[in-house]
Protein backbone atom coordinates (compact mmCIF):
# COMPACT_ATOMS: atom_id res chain seq x y z
CA MET A 1 0.00 0.00 0.00
CA LYS A 2 1.09 3.60 -0.43
CA ILE A 3 0.53 6.35 2.12
CA ARG A 4 0.92 10.00 1.25
CA LYS A 5 2.70 12.20 3.82
CA LYS A 6 3.60 15.84 3.29
CA GLY A 7 3.39 15.55 -0.48
CA LYS A 8 5.66 12.50 -0.73
CA PHE A 9 5.02 8.77 -0.86
CA LYS A 10 6.35 6.43 1.81
CA ASN A 11 6.47 2.78 0.75
CA ILE A 12 5.38 0.25 3.32
CA ASP A 13 5.53 -3.46 2.54
CA SER A 14 2.75 -5.46 4.16
CA ASP A 15 2.10 -9.19 4.12
CA GLU A 16 -1.66 -8.54 4.32
CA ASP A 17 -3.61 -5.63 2.86
CA ASP A 18 -4.32 -2.73 5.22
CA ASP A 19 -5.13 -4.82 8.28
CA GLY A 20 -2.29 -3.53 10.44
CA LYS A 21 -0.47 -6.89 10.66
CA ARG A 22 3.22 -7.61 10.14
CA ALA A 23 4.30 -4.42 8.43
CA LYS A 24 7.83 -3.17 7.99
CA VAL A 25 9.59 -0.11 6.67
CA SER A 26 10.91 -0.86 3.20
CA ASP A 27 14.62 -1.17 2.54
CA GLY A 28 14.45 1.96 0.45
CA GLU A 29 13.36 4.11 3.39
CA LYS A 30 16.04 6.50 4.60
CA ASN A 31 17.27 6.32 8.17
CA HIS A 32 16.30 9.33 10.26
CA ARG A 33 18.21 10.33 13.38
CA ALA A 34 16.00 11.37 16.29
CA GLN A 35 15.93 13.90 19.06
CA GLY A 36 15.34 11.53 21.95
CA HIS A 37 12.69 8.95 21.04
CA THR A 38 10.78 11.03 18.45
CA MET A 39 11.31 10.63 14.73
CA PRO A 40 10.15 13.99 13.34
CA THR A 41 10.53 13.09 9.64
CA MET A 42 8.69 9.79 10.04
CA ASP A 43 5.90 10.53 12.51
CA MET A 44 4.03 7.23 12.73
CA ALA A 45 1.15 8.72 14.72
CA LYS A 46 0.45 11.24 11.93
CA LEU A 47 0.81 8.46 9.37
CA PHE A 48 -2.39 6.89 10.71
CA ALA A 49 -4.22 10.18 11.34
CA SER A 50 -7.68 10.78 9.80
CA ARG A 51 -8.10 7.10 9.04
CA GLY A 52 -10.33 6.18 11.96
CA LEU A 53 -7.33 4.87 13.86
CA LYS A 54 -5.44 5.85 16.99
CA ALA A 55 -1.76 5.01 17.24
CA THR A 56 0.41 4.49 20.30
CA ILE A 57 4.15 4.45 19.65
CA LEU A 58 6.15 2.16 21.97
CA THR A 59 9.85 2.77 21.40
CA THR A 60 11.43 -0.14 23.29
CA SER A 61 11.08 -3.86 22.78
CA TYR A 62 10.33 -4.32 26.49
CA TYR A 63 7.24 -2.13 26.44
CA ALA A 64 6.14 -3.38 23.02
CA GLN A 65 6.27 -7.00 24.19
CA ASN A 66 4.36 -6.25 27.38
CA PHE A 67 1.80 -4.24 25.43
CA SER A 68 1.22 -7.21 23.14
CA LYS A 69 0.71 -9.55 26.11
CA THR A 70 -1.97 -7.33 27.66
CA ILE A 71 -3.78 -6.40 24.44
CA GLU A 72 -6.83 -8.56 25.25
CA LYS A 73 -7.36 -6.69 28.54
CA SER A 74 -7.03 -3.40 26.70
CA ARG A 75 -9.76 -4.41 24.26
CA ALA A 76 -12.15 -4.95 27.16
CA PHE A 77 -11.53 -1.45 28.51
CA LEU A 78 -11.48 0.36 25.17
CA GLY A 79 -14.52 -1.44 23.75
CA THR A 80 -13.05 -1.52 20.25
CA GLN A 81 -10.65 -3.46 18.07
CA VAL A 82 -6.97 -3.02 18.79
CA LYS A 83 -4.27 -4.15 16.38
CA VAL A 84 -0.52 -4.16 16.90
CA LEU A 85 1.85 -2.95 14.20
CA THR A 86 5.48 -3.78 14.97
CA ILE A 87 8.23 -1.92 13.16
CA LYS A 88 11.77 -2.74 14.22
CA ILE A 89 14.16 0.19 13.91
CA PRO A 90 17.76 -0.17 15.16
CA CYS A 91 18.74 2.16 18.00
CA SER A 92 21.54 3.54 15.86
CA ASP A 93 19.00 4.65 13.24
CA VAL A 94 17.21 6.92 15.70
CA GLY A 95 20.22 8.32 17.49
CA LEU A 96 20.16 6.07 20.57
CA PRO A 97 23.04 3.82 21.62
CA GLU A 98 22.26 0.24 22.66
CA GLY A 99 21.85 -0.36 26.42
CA ILE A 100 21.67 3.33 27.31
CA GLU A 101 22.09 3.86 31.07
CA SER A 102 22.09 7.65 31.32
CA VAL A 103 19.10 9.80 30.36
CA GLN A 104 21.20 12.95 30.20
CA MET A 105 20.94 13.12 26.41
CA LEU A 106 17.17 12.72 26.60
CA GLY A 107 16.31 14.83 29.64
CA ALA A 108 14.91 13.28 32.82
CA ASN A 109 12.17 15.91 33.07
CA ALA A 110 10.75 14.98 29.67
CA ILE A 111 10.99 11.25 30.32
CA LEU A 112 9.42 11.54 33.77
CA ALA A 113 6.52 13.60 32.43
CA VAL A 114 5.72 10.83 29.96
CA SER A 115 6.18 8.12 32.60
CA LEU A 116 3.82 9.76 35.10
CA ALA A 117 1.30 10.69 32.41
CA LEU A 118 1.16 7.07 31.25
CA CYS A 119 0.64 5.93 34.84
CA LYS A 120 -2.24 8.36 35.32
CA ALA A 121 -3.73 7.34 31.97
CA GLY A 122 -3.49 3.67 32.96
CA ALA A 123 -5.34 4.35 36.20
CA HIS A 124 -8.04 6.23 34.28
CA VAL A 125 -8.51 3.46 31.72
CA ALA A 126 -8.62 0.82 34.46
CA LYS A 127 -11.10 2.96 36.43
CA THR A 128 -8.84 2.52 39.45
CA PRO A 129 -7.61 5.14 41.96
CA LEU A 130 -4.07 6.21 41.14
CA TYR A 131 -2.62 4.85 44.39
CA GLN A 132 -4.24 1.44 43.74
CA HIS A 133 -2.97 1.41 40.16
CA ILE A 134 0.57 2.11 41.39
CA ALA A 135 0.21 -0.71 43.93
CA ASN A 136 -0.89 -3.05 41.14
CA LEU A 137 2.09 -2.07 38.99
CA ALA A 138 4.44 -2.83 41.88
CA GLY A 139 2.74 -6.10 42.79
CA ASN A 140 1.84 -4.71 46.21
CA LYS A 141 -1.30 -5.96 47.95
CA ASN A 142 -1.23 -3.54 50.88
CA LEU A 143 -2.17 0.13 51.18
CA VAL A 144 -0.68 2.09 54.08
CA LEU A 145 -0.83 5.83 54.75
CA PRO A 146 2.64 7.24 55.48
CA VAL A 147 3.95 9.15 58.48
CA PRO A 148 4.30 12.81 57.41
CA ALA A 149 7.82 14.17 57.98
CA PHE A 150 7.68 17.97 58.10
CA ASN A 151 11.18 19.03 57.07
CA GLU A 152 14.11 19.99 57.04
CA PHE A 153 14.65 19.60 60.74
CA MET A 154 11.84 17.10 60.64
CA ILE A 155 9.07 16.13 63.02
CA LEU A 156 7.33 12.77 62.59
CA SER A 157 4.02 12.00 64.31
CA VAL A 158 4.76 8.33 64.94
CA GLY A 159 2.49 8.15 67.99
CA ALA A 160 -0.69 9.10 66.12
CA SER A 161 -3.43 6.52 65.57
CA SER A 162 -4.33 7.74 62.07
CA PHE A 163 -3.00 9.96 59.30
CA LYS A 164 -5.62 12.58 60.18
CA GLU A 165 -4.43 12.69 63.79
CA ALA A 166 -0.80 12.78 62.60
CA MET A 167 -1.56 15.90 60.57
CA LYS A 168 -3.30 17.50 63.55
CA MET A 169 -0.32 16.82 65.79
CA GLY A 170 2.15 18.08 63.20
CA VAL A 171 0.23 21.31 62.61
CA GLU A 172 -0.01 22.00 66.34
CA VAL A 173 3.73 21.52 66.82
CA TYR A 174 4.44 23.70 63.77
CA HIS A 175 2.40 26.64 65.07
CA ASN A 176 3.82 26.32 68.57
CA LEU A 177 7.30 26.23 67.06
CA LYS A 178 6.49 29.50 65.34
CA SER A 179 5.61 31.14 68.64
CA VAL A 180 8.76 29.76 70.31
CA ILE A 181 10.94 31.11 67.50
CA LYS A 182 9.18 34.49 67.45
CA LYS A 183 9.70 34.93 71.19
CA LYS A 184 13.40 34.09 71.03
CA TYR A 185 14.49 35.54 67.67
CA GLY A 186 11.85 38.09 66.70
CA GLN A 187 9.12 38.34 64.07
CA ASP A 188 11.50 38.22 61.09
CA ALA A 189 12.67 34.74 62.10
CA THR A 190 9.21 33.31 61.38
CA ASN A 191 9.39 34.02 57.65
CA VAL A 192 9.19 30.74 55.74
CA GLY A 193 11.45 29.27 53.08
CA ASP A 194 10.70 27.34 49.88
CA GLU A 195 9.41 24.33 51.80
CA GLY A 196 7.45 26.24 54.43
CA GLY A 197 10.03 25.87 57.20
CA PHE A 198 11.39 28.57 59.49
CA ALA A 199 15.00 29.73 59.34
CA PRO A 200 15.96 31.46 62.61
CA ASN A 201 19.52 32.66 63.02
CA ILE A 202 20.72 29.77 65.16
CA GLN A 203 24.37 29.77 66.20
CA GLU A 204 24.94 26.29 67.63
CA ASN A 205 24.46 22.80 66.19
CA LYS A 206 21.96 21.74 68.84
CA GLU A 207 19.96 24.96 68.85
CA GLY A 208 17.52 23.84 66.18
CA LEU A 209 16.96 20.53 67.94
CA GLU A 210 16.29 22.34 71.21
CA LEU A 211 13.65 24.50 69.53
CA LEU A 212 11.85 21.41 68.22
CA LYS A 213 12.10 19.65 71.57
CA THR A 214 10.57 22.70 73.30
CA ALA A 215 7.72 23.02 70.79
CA ILE A 216 6.89 19.31 71.03
CA ALA A 217 6.80 19.44 74.83
CA LYS A 218 4.71 22.62 74.81
CA VAL A 219 1.78 20.81 73.15
CA GLY A 220 2.20 17.63 75.19
CA TYR A 221 3.44 15.33 72.42
CA THR A 222 6.74 14.23 73.93
CA GLY A 223 7.19 10.58 72.99
CA LYS A 224 4.55 10.80 70.26
CA VAL A 225 6.31 13.24 67.94
CA VAL A 226 9.95 12.48 67.13
CA ILE A 227 12.69 14.21 65.15
CA GLY A 228 14.52 13.64 61.88
CA MET A 229 17.41 15.52 60.25
CA ASP A 230 18.54 16.23 56.69
CA VAL A 231 22.23 17.14 57.00
CA ALA A 232 23.03 17.46 53.26
CA ALA A 233 26.71 16.91 54.10
CA SER A 234 27.80 17.14 50.46
CA GLU A 235 27.27 20.89 50.82
CA PHE A 236 30.24 21.23 53.18
CA TYR A 237 32.49 18.42 51.94
CA GLY A 238 35.74 19.64 50.40
CA SER A 239 38.18 18.37 47.79
CA ASP A 240 40.53 17.55 50.67
CA LYS A 241 37.95 15.01 51.88
CA THR A 242 37.13 16.90 55.06
CA TYR A 243 33.90 18.45 56.31
CA ASP A 244 33.99 22.20 56.98
CA LEU A 245 31.53 22.96 59.79
CA ASN A 246 32.14 26.68 59.24
CA PHE A 247 31.60 26.56 55.48
CA LYS A 248 29.14 29.47 55.42
CA GLU A 249 31.84 31.90 56.51
CA GLU A 250 33.55 33.23 53.39
CA ASN A 251 36.95 33.89 54.98
CA ASN A 252 37.14 31.14 57.58
CA ASN A 253 40.60 29.78 58.41
CA GLY A 254 39.62 26.12 58.13
CA SER A 255 39.92 25.53 61.85
CA GLU A 256 36.56 23.70 61.92
CA LYS A 257 37.36 21.18 59.21
CA ILE A 258 36.97 17.63 60.49
CA SER A 259 37.22 14.10 59.12
CA GLY A 260 34.34 11.76 58.43
CA ASP A 261 35.19 9.76 61.54
CA ALA A 262 35.06 12.92 63.66
CA LEU A 263 31.73 13.94 62.11
CA LYS A 264 30.13 10.77 63.46
CA ASP A 265 30.58 12.01 67.03
CA PRO A 266 28.10 14.93 66.94
CA TYR A 267 25.54 12.66 65.25
CA LYS A 268 25.89 10.13 68.05
CA SER A 269 25.55 12.93 70.58
CA PHE A 270 22.34 14.16 68.92
CA VAL A 271 20.85 10.66 68.93
CA SER A 272 21.61 10.17 72.63
CA GLU A 273 20.17 13.55 73.70
CA TYR A 274 17.14 13.97 71.43
CA PRO A 275 14.36 11.71 70.10
CA ILE A 276 16.00 11.41 66.68
CA VAL A 277 14.86 8.52 64.48
CA SER A 278 16.19 9.54 61.06
CA ILE A 279 19.39 11.13 59.69
CA GLU A 280 19.52 11.90 55.97
CA ASP A 281 22.74 12.42 54.01
CA PRO A 282 25.10 12.49 57.03
CA PHE A 283 28.13 12.29 54.70
CA ASP A 284 29.12 13.24 51.16
CA GLN A 285 27.41 11.43 48.30
CA ASP A 286 30.58 9.47 47.50
CA ASP A 287 31.80 8.91 51.05
CA TRP A 288 30.70 5.27 51.11
CA GLU A 289 33.18 4.37 53.84
CA HIS A 290 31.74 6.63 56.53
CA TYR A 291 28.15 5.88 55.56
CA ALA A 292 28.89 2.20 56.22
CA LYS A 293 30.56 2.96 59.56
CA MET A 294 27.63 5.12 60.66
CA THR A 295 25.11 2.45 59.66
CA VAL A 296 26.95 -0.23 61.64
CA GLU A 297 27.26 1.97 64.74
CA CYS A 298 23.84 3.68 64.76
CA GLY A 299 21.63 1.80 62.27
CA GLU A 300 19.62 0.00 64.94
CA GLN A 301 18.63 3.24 66.69
CA VAL A 302 18.05 5.47 63.67
CA GLN A 303 17.53 5.11 59.96
CA ILE A 304 20.42 6.36 57.84
CA VAL A 305 18.74 7.76 54.73
CA GLY A 306 20.49 7.92 51.37
CA ASP A 307 19.39 10.81 49.15
CA ASP A 308 22.46 12.24 47.40
CA LEU A 309 24.14 8.89 48.04
CA LEU A 310 21.54 6.85 46.14
CA VAL A 311 19.71 9.32 43.84
CA THR A 312 16.92 6.69 43.56
CA ASN A 313 19.19 4.73 41.21
CA PRO A 314 18.81 0.92 41.42
CA LYS A 315 22.53 0.46 40.72
CA ARG A 316 23.58 2.69 43.60
CA VAL A 317 20.94 1.07 45.81
CA GLU A 318 22.41 -2.33 44.94
CA LYS A 319 25.90 -1.14 45.87
CA ALA A 320 24.67 0.36 49.15
CA ILE A 321 22.93 -2.90 50.07
CA LYS A 322 26.09 -4.91 49.41
CA GLU A 323 28.28 -2.51 51.39
CA ASN A 324 25.69 -1.85 54.14
CA SER A 325 26.12 1.87 53.46
CA CYS A 326 22.70 2.97 54.73
CA ASN A 327 19.36 1.48 55.69
CA ALA A 328 16.76 3.74 54.06
CA LEU A 329 16.03 5.16 50.61
CA LEU A 330 14.82 8.68 49.92
CA LEU A 331 12.51 8.22 46.94
CA LYS A 332 12.57 11.05 44.39
CA VAL A 333 11.13 9.95 41.05
CA ASN A 334 12.69 12.80 39.10
CA GLN A 335 16.20 11.77 40.18
CA ILE A 336 16.04 8.55 38.18
CA GLY A 337 13.50 9.75 35.61
CA SER A 338 10.88 7.00 35.43
CA LEU A 339 8.27 5.30 37.58
CA THR A 340 9.49 1.85 36.51
CA GLU A 341 12.99 2.43 37.87
CA SER A 342 11.60 4.10 40.99
CA ILE A 343 9.49 1.02 41.74
CA GLU A 344 12.55 -1.19 41.23
CA ALA A 345 14.60 0.92 43.66
CA VAL A 346 11.81 0.66 46.27
CA ARG A 347 11.48 -3.10 45.81
CA MET A 348 15.21 -3.60 46.27
CA SER A 349 15.21 -1.41 49.37
CA LYS A 350 12.29 -3.22 50.97
CA LYS A 351 13.76 -6.65 50.29
CA ALA A 352 16.92 -5.49 52.06
CA GLY A 353 14.83 -4.54 55.10
CA TRP A 354 15.31 -0.81 54.51
CA GLY A 355 12.92 2.02 55.18
CA VAL A 356 11.66 4.19 52.30
CA MET A 357 10.72 7.87 52.47
CA ALA A 358 8.87 9.41 49.52
CA SER A 359 10.01 12.98 48.93
CA HIS A 360 9.11 16.21 47.19
CA ARG A 361 11.65 18.65 45.77
CA SER A 362 12.56 22.13 46.97
CA GLY A 363 10.95 23.58 43.87
CA GLU A 364 7.46 22.08 43.72
CA THR A 365 4.15 22.32 41.88
CA GLU A 366 0.56 21.60 42.91
CA ASP A 367 0.82 18.07 41.48
CA THR A 368 -0.03 15.41 44.07
CA PHE A 369 1.42 12.30 42.41
CA ILE A 370 3.87 11.54 45.22
CA ALA A 371 0.99 11.31 47.71
CA ASP A 372 -0.54 8.44 45.73
CA LEU A 373 2.93 7.02 45.17
CA SER A 374 3.67 6.85 48.89
CA VAL A 375 0.43 4.95 49.56
CA GLY A 376 0.70 2.64 46.56
CA LEU A 377 4.30 1.66 47.28
CA VAL A 378 3.79 1.59 51.09
CA THR A 379 6.80 3.83 51.68
CA GLY A 380 5.71 4.35 55.29
CA GLN A 381 7.03 7.92 55.29
CA ILE A 382 6.59 11.03 53.16
CA LYS A 383 8.59 14.24 53.25
CA THR A 384 6.79 17.05 51.49
CA GLY A 385 7.45 20.21 53.46
CA ALA A 386 5.88 22.00 56.39
CA PRO A 387 2.09 22.33 56.80
CA CYS A 388 2.40 25.66 54.99
CA ARG A 389 2.41 26.86 51.34
CA SER A 390 -0.19 25.52 48.92
CA GLU A 391 2.15 23.32 46.87
CA ARG A 392 3.12 21.46 50.06
CA LEU A 393 -0.39 21.29 51.50
CA ALA A 394 -1.68 19.86 48.21
CA LYS A 395 0.09 16.56 48.94
CA TYR A 396 -1.16 16.38 52.52
CA ASN A 397 -4.71 17.17 51.40
CA GLN A 398 -4.53 14.39 48.81
CA LEU A 399 -3.44 11.95 51.52
CA LEU A 400 -6.40 13.06 53.64
CA ARG A 401 -8.70 12.41 50.66
CA ILE A 402 -7.17 8.94 50.21
CA LYS A 403 -7.71 8.27 53.91
CA GLU A 404 -11.38 9.22 53.59
CA GLU A 405 -11.78 7.11 50.45
CA LEU A 406 -10.30 4.03 52.12
CA GLY A 407 -12.53 4.52 55.15
CA SER A 408 -12.23 1.71 57.68
CA LYS A 409 -9.57 0.05 55.51
CA ALA A 410 -7.18 2.99 56.01
CA VAL A 411 -4.04 1.84 57.81
CA TYR A 412 -1.52 4.33 59.23
CA ALA A 413 2.17 3.37 59.38
CA GLY A 414 2.77 5.03 62.76
CA ALA A 415 5.58 3.49 64.80
CA LYS A 416 6.16 0.90 62.03
CA PHE A 417 7.16 3.62 59.55
CA ARG A 418 10.48 1.95 58.74
CA VAL A 419 8.96 -1.42 57.79
CA PRO A 420 5.15 -1.03 57.67
CA VAL A 421 4.53 -4.32 55.78
CA GLU A 422 6.42 -7.33 54.49
CA PRO A 423 8.43 -6.75 51.26
CA TYR A 424 6.49 -7.27 48.01
């Protein structure tokens, strides 16, 4: 058959006339290099346009094969005939090397947008809530509402009986913390940052922890609300492999530079003096040695969370499991770029007995996908800012809606936030 496109003819050889089966691009067709996965001079979707057909382009053999296997189920949902046209085009012909591991040339933001859009579309077609659809994709049979971790010095309402109560407790501590800070540092200190947190001009390492401890006690939640920390140690790690505790001073003399071994000591001191249950990024992203030492020495008492260390990458997760470098994953889907790889990283973490904390980013939108993600993957914890600013509250409100939808079936992770269910 011949198909006209933009004034030119494209020859397509088919074993059967116009029925969509076993077609291939003819040998005379020119190869076209692509920008990412799109082939602008051979747009297959447009090729079928205005012919009563809808085309979905699957650009990897993995997804094409899985699509073929589930085509019967798709027919039931779509209520129409679905045919599969397979055209094999070598990676080299479209500008993609075989076995690509980095998405830098493609752009993680673009890939993630497609990945999440497909997930939402799948939930819509299946007439299933997004969190349930994600659970189905992961092979998870349980749905658990996570413990909210209001960051960056975090508070976690582990003693609450439900997610709704956890939010109530967190909000009360937050507003009492505001009054404590205002009294000690003045009105200006209660201005909020990107994630809704306060940034008073504290001078000592323990000062922030003391403020949280005071606010928690003030509302009577001592023992029910605990503390977590995000150190982001890569920010003050130098090329000389030391940690500069005075890194914010432009002209400091380096007198406060310490080794990774020495940096463990203040962490241990914090854990012994305060109700700390989680420490994120205590060392540089490539300081595997001291991560492992910290996990061995403190891993039973607190979770050592890998964010910069792991970047939600299954390969780095695998290495961390082998080397016992940490015992919890910070889940950020845009770090790895796809939902599929994010699910794999979570599965690996759970099988290793790790905790998982779903996380937002400092720059956020009103999108609530990570709320459904945290429930569907049973992360047990979610970090999505203070109970302040609409883009942060959007996630918490979505979790409250999920809780209402689940009704009596709603389970809250609570004190089991590190391992809320058996691995799936």
